[in-house]
């Protein structure tokens, strides 16, 4: 398994930084929101949080 850690990520042309990367900056962009989906017409389980780390995990056939 190979794990890489990054201080930011771009999604749909928007760059998100981790909270540590935002310290001392004039603008802040480490907040995230994920829309939850409930059963039927019910919408629930929305998640609001702060990006602390961006990890890229690559699974290999090699034993640990």
N, C-alpha and C. Protein backbone atom coordinates (compact mmCIF):
# COMPACT_ATOMS: atom_id res chain seq x y z
N UNK A 1 0.85 -1.17 0.00
CA UNK A 1 0.00 0.00 0.00
C UNK A 1 0.90 1.24 0.00
N UNK A 2 0.55 2.20 -0.82
CA UNK A 2 1.30 3.45 -0.93
C UNK A 2 0.37 4.60 -0.55
N UNK A 3 0.80 5.44 0.40
CA UNK A 3 -0.01 6.56 0.87
C UNK A 3 0.76 7.86 0.66
N UNK A 4 0.11 8.82 0.02
CA UNK A 4 0.70 10.14 -0.18
C UNK A 4 -0.19 11.16 0.51
N UNK A 5 0.42 12.18 1.09
CA UNK A 5 -0.31 13.23 1.79
C UNK A 5 -0.09 14.55 1.06
N UNK A 6 -1.19 15.30 0.86
CA UNK A 6 -1.13 16.58 0.16
C UNK A 6 -1.72 17.68 1.03
N UNK A 7 -1.36 18.94 0.74
CA UNK A 7 -1.87 20.07 1.52
C UNK A 7 -3.08 20.71 0.84
N UNK A 8 -3.56 20.11 -0.25
CA UNK A 8 -4.73 20.65 -0.93
C UNK A 8 -5.24 19.72 -2.00
N UNK A 9 -6.38 20.09 -2.57
CA UNK A 9 -7.03 19.27 -3.59
C UNK A 9 -7.89 20.18 -4.45
N UNK A 10 -7.96 19.89 -5.75
CA UNK A 10 -8.84 20.67 -6.62
C UNK A 10 -10.00 19.79 -7.07
N UNK A 11 -11.20 20.35 -7.00
CA UNK A 11 -12.41 19.65 -7.42
C UNK A 11 -13.28 20.62 -8.19
N UNK A 12 -13.64 20.27 -9.40
CA UNK A 12 -14.48 21.12 -10.26
C UNK A 12 -13.89 22.52 -10.40
N UNK A 13 -12.58 22.61 -10.49
CA UNK A 13 -11.92 23.89 -10.68
C UNK A 13 -11.76 24.73 -9.43
N UNK A 14 -12.16 24.21 -8.29
CA UNK A 14 -12.02 24.93 -7.02
C UNK A 14 -10.94 24.26 -6.19
N UNK A 15 -9.99 25.07 -5.70
CA UNK A 15 -8.88 24.55 -4.93
C UNK A 15 -9.20 24.63 -3.45
N UNK A 16 -9.09 23.50 -2.75
CA UNK A 16 -9.31 23.44 -1.31
C UNK A 16 -7.98 23.17 -0.63
N UNK A 17 -7.69 23.93 0.42
CA UNK A 17 -6.47 23.73 1.20
C UNK A 17 -6.83 23.09 2.53
N UNK A 18 -5.86 22.47 3.16
CA UNK A 18 -6.07 21.96 4.51
C UNK A 18 -6.08 23.14 5.49
N UNK A 19 -6.59 22.89 6.67
CA UNK A 19 -6.68 23.95 7.67
C UNK A 19 -5.29 24.51 8.01
N UNK A 20 -4.29 23.63 8.13
CA UNK A 20 -2.94 24.08 8.45
C UNK A 20 -2.37 24.97 7.34
N UNK A 21 -2.68 24.67 6.09
CA UNK A 21 -2.19 25.46 4.94
C UNK A 21 -2.83 26.85 4.92
N UNK A 22 -4.03 26.98 5.48
CA UNK A 22 -4.76 28.24 5.49
C UNK A 22 -4.30 29.21 6.58
N UNK A 23 -3.55 28.72 7.56
CA UNK A 23 -3.13 29.57 8.67
C UNK A 23 -2.34 30.78 8.15
N UNK A 24 -2.72 31.96 8.57
CA UNK A 24 -2.02 33.18 8.20
C UNK A 24 -2.37 33.72 6.81
N UNK A 25 -3.30 33.10 6.12
CA UNK A 25 -3.68 33.55 4.77
C UNK A 25 -4.82 34.57 4.86
N UNK A 26 -4.96 35.39 3.85
CA UNK A 26 -6.03 36.39 3.81
C UNK A 26 -7.38 35.74 3.51
N UNK A 27 -7.37 34.65 2.76
CA UNK A 27 -8.62 33.93 2.46
C UNK A 27 -8.52 32.53 3.03
N UNK A 28 -9.69 31.95 3.29
CA UNK A 28 -9.76 30.65 3.94
C UNK A 28 -10.63 29.74 3.09
N UNK A 29 -10.14 28.58 2.71
CA UNK A 29 -10.94 27.66 1.90
C UNK A 29 -10.66 26.22 2.30
N UNK A 30 -10.99 25.87 3.54
CA UNK A 30 -10.78 24.50 3.99
C UNK A 30 -12.09 23.87 4.46
N UNK A 31 -13.19 24.58 4.34
CA UNK A 31 -14.49 24.03 4.73
C UNK A 31 -15.07 23.17 3.62
N UNK A 32 -15.72 22.07 4.02
CA UNK A 32 -16.34 21.17 3.05
C UNK A 32 -17.78 20.87 3.46
N UNK A 33 -18.61 20.60 2.48
CA UNK A 33 -19.99 20.19 2.72
C UNK A 33 -20.32 19.07 1.75
N UNK A 34 -20.84 17.98 2.28
CA UNK A 34 -21.27 16.85 1.46
C UNK A 34 -22.75 16.66 1.69
N UNK A 35 -23.53 16.73 0.62
CA UNK A 35 -24.98 16.62 0.71
C UNK A 35 -25.36 15.16 0.95
N UNK A 36 -26.10 14.91 2.01
CA UNK A 36 -26.54 13.55 2.32
C UNK A 36 -27.79 13.20 1.54
N UNK A 37 -27.98 11.92 1.30
CA UNK A 37 -29.16 11.44 0.59
C UNK A 37 -29.88 10.45 1.49
N UNK A 38 -31.15 10.72 1.73
CA UNK A 38 -31.96 9.83 2.55
C UNK A 38 -32.76 8.89 1.68
N UNK A 39 -33.73 8.21 2.29
CA UNK A 39 -34.60 7.26 1.57
C UNK A 39 -35.78 8.01 0.98
N UNK A 40 -36.15 7.68 -0.25
CA UNK A 40 -37.28 8.33 -0.89
C UNK A 40 -36.99 9.79 -1.14
N UNK A 41 -37.94 10.65 -0.74
CA UNK A 41 -37.78 12.10 -0.91
C UNK A 41 -37.06 12.75 0.27
N UNK A 42 -36.74 11.96 1.26
CA UNK A 42 -36.11 12.47 2.47
C UNK A 42 -34.64 12.82 2.20
N UNK A 43 -34.23 14.00 2.62
CA UNK A 43 -32.84 14.42 2.49
C UNK A 43 -32.28 14.58 3.89
N UNK A 44 -31.16 13.97 4.15
CA UNK A 44 -30.58 14.07 5.48
C UNK A 44 -29.15 13.61 5.49
N UNK A 45 -28.54 13.78 6.62
CA UNK A 45 -27.17 13.33 6.78
C UNK A 45 -26.14 14.23 6.13
N UNK A 46 -26.47 15.52 5.95
CA UNK A 46 -25.48 16.44 5.38
C UNK A 46 -24.28 16.51 6.31
N UNK A 47 -23.09 16.63 5.73
CA UNK A 47 -21.86 16.70 6.50
C UNK A 47 -21.18 18.03 6.24
N UNK A 48 -20.88 18.74 7.29
CA UNK A 48 -20.10 19.98 7.21
C UNK A 48 -18.85 19.76 8.05
N UNK A 49 -17.71 20.11 7.49
CA UNK A 49 -16.48 19.90 8.24
C UNK A 49 -15.33 20.72 7.71
N UNK A 50 -14.17 20.42 8.23
CA UNK A 50 -12.93 21.11 7.89
C UNK A 50 -11.96 20.09 7.34
N UNK A 51 -11.24 20.46 6.30
CA UNK A 51 -10.27 19.59 5.65
C UNK A 51 -8.95 19.65 6.42
N UNK A 52 -8.59 18.54 7.07
CA UNK A 52 -7.35 18.49 7.85
C UNK A 52 -6.22 17.81 7.08
N UNK A 53 -6.56 16.90 6.18
CA UNK A 53 -5.54 16.18 5.41
C UNK A 53 -6.16 15.69 4.12
N UNK A 54 -5.34 15.59 3.09
CA UNK A 54 -5.75 15.00 1.82
C UNK A 54 -4.82 13.81 1.60
N UNK A 55 -5.40 12.61 1.59
CA UNK A 55 -4.62 11.40 1.45
C UNK A 55 -4.96 10.71 0.14
N UNK A 56 -3.95 10.21 -0.53
CA UNK A 56 -4.11 9.40 -1.73
C UNK A 56 -3.60 8.01 -1.38
N UNK A 57 -4.48 7.03 -1.38
CA UNK A 57 -4.11 5.66 -1.01
C UNK A 57 -4.12 4.80 -2.25
N UNK A 58 -3.00 4.16 -2.53
CA UNK A 58 -2.89 3.26 -3.68
C UNK A 58 -2.61 1.85 -3.13
N UNK A 59 -3.53 0.95 -3.43
CA UNK A 59 -3.37 -0.43 -2.97
C UNK A 59 -2.57 -1.22 -3.98
N UNK A 60 -1.59 -1.96 -3.51
CA UNK A 60 -0.75 -2.78 -4.36
C UNK A 60 -0.90 -4.24 -3.97
N UNK A 61 -0.32 -5.12 -4.74
CA UNK A 61 -0.38 -6.54 -4.45
C UNK A 61 0.70 -6.96 -3.45
N UNK A 62 1.56 -6.03 -3.07
CA UNK A 62 2.65 -6.35 -2.16
C UNK A 62 2.15 -6.48 -0.73
N UNK A 63 2.60 -7.50 -0.01
CA UNK A 63 2.20 -7.63 1.41
C UNK A 63 2.86 -6.54 2.25
N UNK A 64 2.22 -6.18 3.33
CA UNK A 64 2.74 -5.13 4.21
C UNK A 64 3.84 -5.68 5.08
